Amino acid sequence: MSETLLEFDGRLESSTAQAFQRRLAEASPSGNERLLLDLSRVTFIGSAALRAILVTAKRLGTDGGRLAICAPPHIAQVFTISGLDAVLPVRSDLAQAREALEV
């Protein structure tokens, strides 16, 4: 099964959370999709975006799908501090994130 690559840039915060959540939902309508989130050009990620990612990952996990994240160090650190890196594969490059979808 191939993955859907979603690329984001700029700030993922409360003012963009609704559009961000909608884009995640549109990319995974069945729940069995594999999503690869490329956050390499994201400069800031807030709690609303983290929640949207977690909700999507849980829904995918329930229906046989998967989600992996490619993030630069300053964004990956947010996942580490929040503890989400324990339940979501967050990798430093796309190849590693793609491999995490295979596991």
N, C-alpha and C. Protein backbone atom coordinates (compact mmCIF):
# COMPACT_ATOMS: atom_id res chain seq x y z
N MET A 1 0.85 -1.18 0.00
CA MET A 1 0.00 0.00 0.00
C MET A 1 0.89 1.24 0.00
N SER A 2 0.60 2.18 -0.84
CA SER A 2 1.40 3.40 -0.90
C SER A 2 0.92 4.41 0.14
N GLU A 3 1.76 5.38 0.39
CA GLU A 3 1.39 6.38 1.38
C GLU A 3 0.97 7.67 0.68
N THR A 4 0.27 8.49 1.44
CA THR A 4 -0.09 9.83 1.00
C THR A 4 0.84 10.80 1.72
N LEU A 5 1.56 11.59 0.96
CA LEU A 5 2.47 12.57 1.52
C LEU A 5 1.75 13.91 1.64
N LEU A 6 1.71 14.43 2.85
CA LEU A 6 1.13 15.75 3.10
C LEU A 6 2.25 16.67 3.56
N GLU A 7 2.46 17.75 2.84
CA GLU A 7 3.51 18.71 3.18
C GLU A 7 2.88 19.96 3.76
N PHE A 8 3.50 20.45 4.81
CA PHE A 8 3.01 21.65 5.49
C PHE A 8 4.17 22.62 5.67
N ASP A 9 3.84 23.89 5.76
CA ASP A 9 4.87 24.88 6.05
C ASP A 9 4.28 26.00 6.91
N GLY A 10 5.17 26.81 7.43
CA GLY A 10 4.72 27.93 8.26
C GLY A 10 4.36 27.50 9.67
N ARG A 11 3.34 28.16 10.20
CA ARG A 11 2.92 27.93 11.58
C ARG A 11 1.65 27.09 11.62
N LEU A 12 1.69 26.03 12.41
CA LEU A 12 0.51 25.21 12.66
C LEU A 12 0.05 25.54 14.07
N GLU A 13 -0.94 26.41 14.15
CA GLU A 13 -1.40 26.92 15.44
C GLU A 13 -2.92 26.97 15.45
N SER A 14 -3.48 27.55 16.49
CA SER A 14 -4.94 27.55 16.64
C SER A 14 -5.65 28.20 15.46
N SER A 15 -5.08 29.23 14.87
CA SER A 15 -5.75 29.90 13.75
C SER A 15 -5.76 29.07 12.47
N THR A 16 -4.87 28.08 12.38
CA THR A 16 -4.81 27.22 11.19
C THR A 16 -5.28 25.80 11.49
N ALA A 17 -5.65 25.53 12.73
CA ALA A 17 -5.96 24.16 13.16
C ALA A 17 -7.15 23.56 12.42
N GLN A 18 -8.17 24.34 12.18
CA GLN A 18 -9.36 23.79 11.52
C GLN A 18 -9.03 23.34 10.09
N ALA A 19 -8.31 24.17 9.36
CA ALA A 19 -7.92 23.81 7.99
C ALA A 19 -6.95 22.62 8.01
N PHE A 20 -6.06 22.60 8.98
CA PHE A 20 -5.10 21.50 9.13
C PHE A 20 -5.85 20.19 9.38
N GLN A 21 -6.80 20.21 10.32
CA GLN A 21 -7.58 19.01 10.64
C GLN A 21 -8.37 18.55 9.43
N ARG A 22 -8.95 19.48 8.69
CA ARG A 22 -9.73 19.14 7.50
C ARG A 22 -8.83 18.46 6.45
N ARG A 23 -7.63 18.98 6.28
CA ARG A 23 -6.70 18.38 5.31
C ARG A 23 -6.31 16.96 5.71
N LEU A 24 -6.09 16.75 6.98
CA LEU A 24 -5.78 15.40 7.47
C LEU A 24 -6.96 14.45 7.22
N ALA A 25 -8.16 14.91 7.51
CA ALA A 25 -9.34 14.08 7.33
C ALA A 25 -9.59 13.77 5.86
N GLU A 26 -9.40 14.76 4.99
CA GLU A 26 -9.61 14.55 3.56
C GLU A 26 -8.60 13.56 2.98
N ALA A 27 -7.41 13.52 3.55
CA ALA A 27 -6.37 12.62 3.06
C ALA A 27 -6.57 11.19 3.56
N SER A 28 -7.45 11.02 4.53
CA SER A 28 -7.65 9.68 5.10
C SER A 28 -9.13 9.40 5.34
N PRO A 29 -9.94 9.46 4.30
CA PRO A 29 -11.38 9.28 4.49
C PRO A 29 -11.80 7.88 4.95
N SER A 30 -11.05 6.86 4.56
CA SER A 30 -11.42 5.48 4.92
C SER A 30 -10.85 5.05 6.26
N GLY A 31 -9.77 5.68 6.69
CA GLY A 31 -9.14 5.31 7.95
C GLY A 31 -8.07 4.24 7.82
N ASN A 32 -7.96 3.63 6.64
CA ASN A 32 -6.94 2.59 6.48
C ASN A 32 -5.76 3.09 5.65
N GLU A 33 -5.68 4.38 5.46
CA GLU A 33 -4.60 4.98 4.68
C GLU A 33 -3.31 5.06 5.50
N ARG A 34 -2.23 5.25 4.77
CA ARG A 34 -0.93 5.51 5.40
C ARG A 34 -0.57 6.95 5.07
N LEU A 35 -0.47 7.77 6.11
CA LEU A 35 -0.15 9.19 5.93
C LEU A 35 1.27 9.47 6.36
N LEU A 36 1.97 10.20 5.54
CA LEU A 36 3.31 10.67 5.84
C LEU A 36 3.25 12.18 5.91
N LEU A 37 3.44 12.73 7.10
CA LEU A 37 3.37 14.17 7.30
C LEU A 37 4.76 14.77 7.23
N ASP A 38 4.98 15.63 6.26
CA ASP A 38 6.26 16.31 6.11
C ASP A 38 6.14 17.69 6.76
N LEU A 39 6.72 17.81 7.94
CA LEU A 39 6.69 19.06 8.69
C LEU A 39 8.03 19.78 8.60
N SER A 40 8.85 19.42 7.62
CA SER A 40 10.21 19.96 7.54
C SER A 40 10.25 21.47 7.33
N ARG A 41 9.17 22.05 6.82
CA ARG A 41 9.14 23.51 6.62
C ARG A 41 8.23 24.22 7.62
N VAL A 42 7.82 23.50 8.65
CA VAL A 42 6.99 24.09 9.70
C VAL A 42 7.89 24.83 10.68
N THR A 43 7.52 26.05 10.99
CA THR A 43 8.33 26.86 11.90
C THR A 43 7.83 26.82 13.34
N PHE A 44 6.55 26.45 13.52
CA PHE A 44 5.95 26.39 14.85
C PHE A 44 4.80 25.40 14.81
N ILE A 45 4.66 24.61 15.87
CA ILE A 45 3.51 23.72 15.99
C ILE A 45 2.91 23.89 17.37
N GLY A 46 1.61 24.17 17.40
CA GLY A 46 0.92 24.40 18.66
C GLY A 46 0.11 23.20 19.09
N SER A 47 -0.51 23.32 20.25
CA SER A 47 -1.25 22.20 20.82
C SER A 47 -2.44 21.79 19.97
N ALA A 48 -3.08 22.72 19.28
CA ALA A 48 -4.23 22.37 18.44
C ALA A 48 -3.79 21.47 17.29
N ALA A 49 -2.66 21.74 16.70
CA ALA A 49 -2.14 20.90 15.62
C ALA A 49 -1.70 19.54 16.16
N LEU A 50 -1.08 19.52 17.32
CA LEU A 50 -0.69 18.25 17.93
C LEU A 50 -1.92 17.39 18.19
N ARG A 51 -2.97 18.01 18.67
CA ARG A 51 -4.21 17.28 18.93
C ARG A 51 -4.78 16.72 17.62
N ALA A 52 -4.78 17.51 16.56
CA ALA A 52 -5.30 17.05 15.27
C ALA A 52 -4.50 15.85 14.77
N ILE A 53 -3.19 15.89 14.94
CA ILE A 53 -2.34 14.77 14.52
C ILE A 53 -2.65 13.53 15.37
N LEU A 54 -2.78 13.70 16.66
CA LEU A 54 -3.06 12.58 17.55
C LEU A 54 -4.42 11.96 17.25
N VAL A 55 -5.44 12.78 17.05
CA VAL A 55 -6.77 12.28 16.72
C VAL A 55 -6.72 11.48 15.42
N THR A 56 -6.02 12.01 14.43
CA THR A 56 -5.90 11.32 13.14
C THR A 56 -5.17 10.00 13.30
N ALA A 57 -4.07 10.01 14.04
CA ALA A 57 -3.29 8.78 14.24
C ALA A 57 -4.12 7.72 14.96
N LYS A 58 -4.89 8.11 15.95
CA LYS A 58 -5.73 7.14 16.67
C LYS A 58 -6.80 6.56 15.75
N ARG A 59 -7.41 7.42 14.95
CA ARG A 59 -8.44 6.94 14.02
C ARG A 59 -7.83 5.98 13.00
N LEU A 60 -6.67 6.34 12.48
CA LEU A 60 -5.99 5.46 11.52
C LEU A 60 -5.62 4.13 12.17
N GLY A 61 -5.11 4.19 13.38
CA GLY A 61 -4.70 2.98 14.08
C GLY A 61 -5.86 2.03 14.32
N THR A 62 -7.03 2.58 14.57
CA THR A 62 -8.23 1.78 14.80
C THR A 62 -8.67 1.06 13.53
N ASP A 63 -8.49 1.72 12.40
CA ASP A 63 -9.00 1.19 11.13
C ASP A 63 -7.93 0.56 10.25
N GLY A 64 -6.73 0.34 10.79
CA GLY A 64 -5.68 -0.33 10.03
C GLY A 64 -4.74 0.58 9.28
N GLY A 65 -4.89 1.88 9.46
CA GLY A 65 -3.99 2.83 8.81
C GLY A 65 -2.80 3.14 9.69
N ARG A 66 -1.93 4.00 9.18
CA ARG A 66 -0.72 4.38 9.92
C ARG A 66 -0.39 5.84 9.61
N LEU A 67 0.36 6.44 10.50
CA LEU A 67 0.81 7.82 10.32
C LEU A 67 2.25 7.91 10.79
N ALA A 68 3.08 8.60 10.03
CA ALA A 68 4.46 8.88 10.42
C ALA A 68 4.76 10.34 10.11
N ILE A 69 5.74 10.88 10.81
CA ILE A 69 6.04 12.30 10.74
C ILE A 69 7.51 12.52 10.45
N CYS A 70 7.78 13.40 9.52
CA CYS A 70 9.14 13.90 9.27
C CYS A 70 9.17 15.32 9.83
N ALA A 71 10.09 15.57 10.75
CA ALA A 71 10.12 16.88 11.40
C ALA A 71 11.56 17.31 11.70
N PRO A 72 11.82 18.61 11.55
CA PRO A 72 13.14 19.13 11.92
C PRO A 72 13.28 19.11 13.44
N PRO A 73 14.49 19.27 13.95
CA PRO A 73 14.72 19.15 15.40
C PRO A 73 13.82 20.03 16.27
N HIS A 74 13.60 21.28 15.88
CA HIS A 74 12.80 22.16 16.74
C HIS A 74 11.33 21.73 16.81
N ILE A 75 10.83 21.06 15.79
CA ILE A 75 9.46 20.54 15.81
C ILE A 75 9.44 19.17 16.49
N ALA A 76 10.41 18.34 16.20
CA ALA A 76 10.50 17.02 16.85
C ALA A 76 10.59 17.17 18.37
N GLN A 77 11.25 18.22 18.82
CA GLN A 77 11.39 18.46 20.25
C GLN A 77 10.02 18.68 20.91
N VAL A 78 9.10 19.30 20.22
CA VAL A 78 7.76 19.51 20.76
C VAL A 78 7.06 18.16 20.97
N PHE A 79 7.24 17.24 20.03
CA PHE A 79 6.67 15.90 20.18
C PHE A 79 7.33 15.18 21.36
N THR A 80 8.63 15.38 21.54
CA THR A 80 9.34 14.75 22.66
C THR A 80 8.88 15.31 23.99
N ILE A 81 8.81 16.63 24.09
CA ILE A 81 8.40 17.27 25.34
C ILE A 81 6.98 16.88 25.72
N SER A 82 6.10 16.76 24.73
CA SER A 82 4.71 16.41 25.00
C SER A 82 4.52 14.91 25.23
N GLY A 83 5.56 14.12 24.94
CA GLY A 83 5.47 12.67 25.10
C GLY A 83 4.83 11.97 23.91
N LEU A 84 4.48 12.71 22.88
CA LEU A 84 3.83 12.11 21.72
C LEU A 84 4.78 11.28 20.87
N ASP A 85 6.07 11.51 21.02
CA ASP A 85 7.04 10.70 20.26
C ASP A 85 7.02 9.24 20.72
N ALA A 86 6.41 8.97 21.87
CA ALA A 86 6.30 7.60 22.35
C ALA A 86 5.20 6.83 21.62
N VAL A 87 4.25 7.55 21.03
CA VAL A 87 3.14 6.89 20.34
C VAL A 87 3.09 7.20 18.85
N LEU A 88 3.87 8.19 18.41
CA LEU A 88 3.92 8.56 17.00
C LEU A 88 5.35 8.48 16.50
N PRO A 89 5.57 7.85 15.35
CA PRO A 89 6.93 7.83 14.80
C PRO A 89 7.30 9.20 14.22
N VAL A 90 8.26 9.85 14.86
CA VAL A 90 8.76 11.15 14.41
C VAL A 90 10.21 10.96 14.00
N ARG A 91 10.49 11.21 12.73
CA ARG A 91 11.82 10.98 12.18
C ARG A 91 12.38 12.27 11.59
N SER A 92 13.70 12.31 11.41
CA SER A 92 14.35 13.53 10.95
C SER A 92 14.38 13.68 9.44
N ASP A 93 14.09 12.62 8.70
CA ASP A 93 14.03 12.77 7.25
C ASP A 93 12.92 11.89 6.67
N LEU A 94 12.55 12.19 5.43
CA LEU A 94 11.43 11.50 4.80
C LEU A 94 11.68 10.00 4.63
N ALA A 95 12.90 9.62 4.29
CA ALA A 95 13.20 8.19 4.10
C ALA A 95 12.96 7.43 5.40
N GLN A 96 13.40 7.98 6.51
CA GLN A 96 13.20 7.31 7.80
C GLN A 96 11.73 7.28 8.19
N ALA A 97 11.02 8.35 7.92
CA ALA A 97 9.59 8.39 8.21
C ALA A 97 8.84 7.38 7.36
N ARG A 98 9.23 7.28 6.10
CA ARG A 98 8.61 6.31 5.19
C ARG A 98 8.84 4.89 5.70
N GLU A 99 10.05 4.61 6.18
CA GLU A 99 10.37 3.30 6.74
C GLU A 99 9.51 3.00 7.97
N ALA A 100 9.22 4.03 8.77
CA ALA A 100 8.39 3.85 9.97
C ALA A 100 6.97 3.44 9.61
N LEU A 101 6.52 3.81 8.42
CA LEU A 101 5.20 3.39 7.97
C LEU A 101 5.15 1.90 7.67
N GLU A 102 6.29 1.33 7.36
CA GLU A 102 6.37 -0.09 6.98
C GLU A 102 6.32 -1.01 8.18
N VAL A 103 6.68 -0.53 9.32
CA VAL A 103 6.78 -1.37 10.54
C VAL A 103 5.42 -1.78 11.03
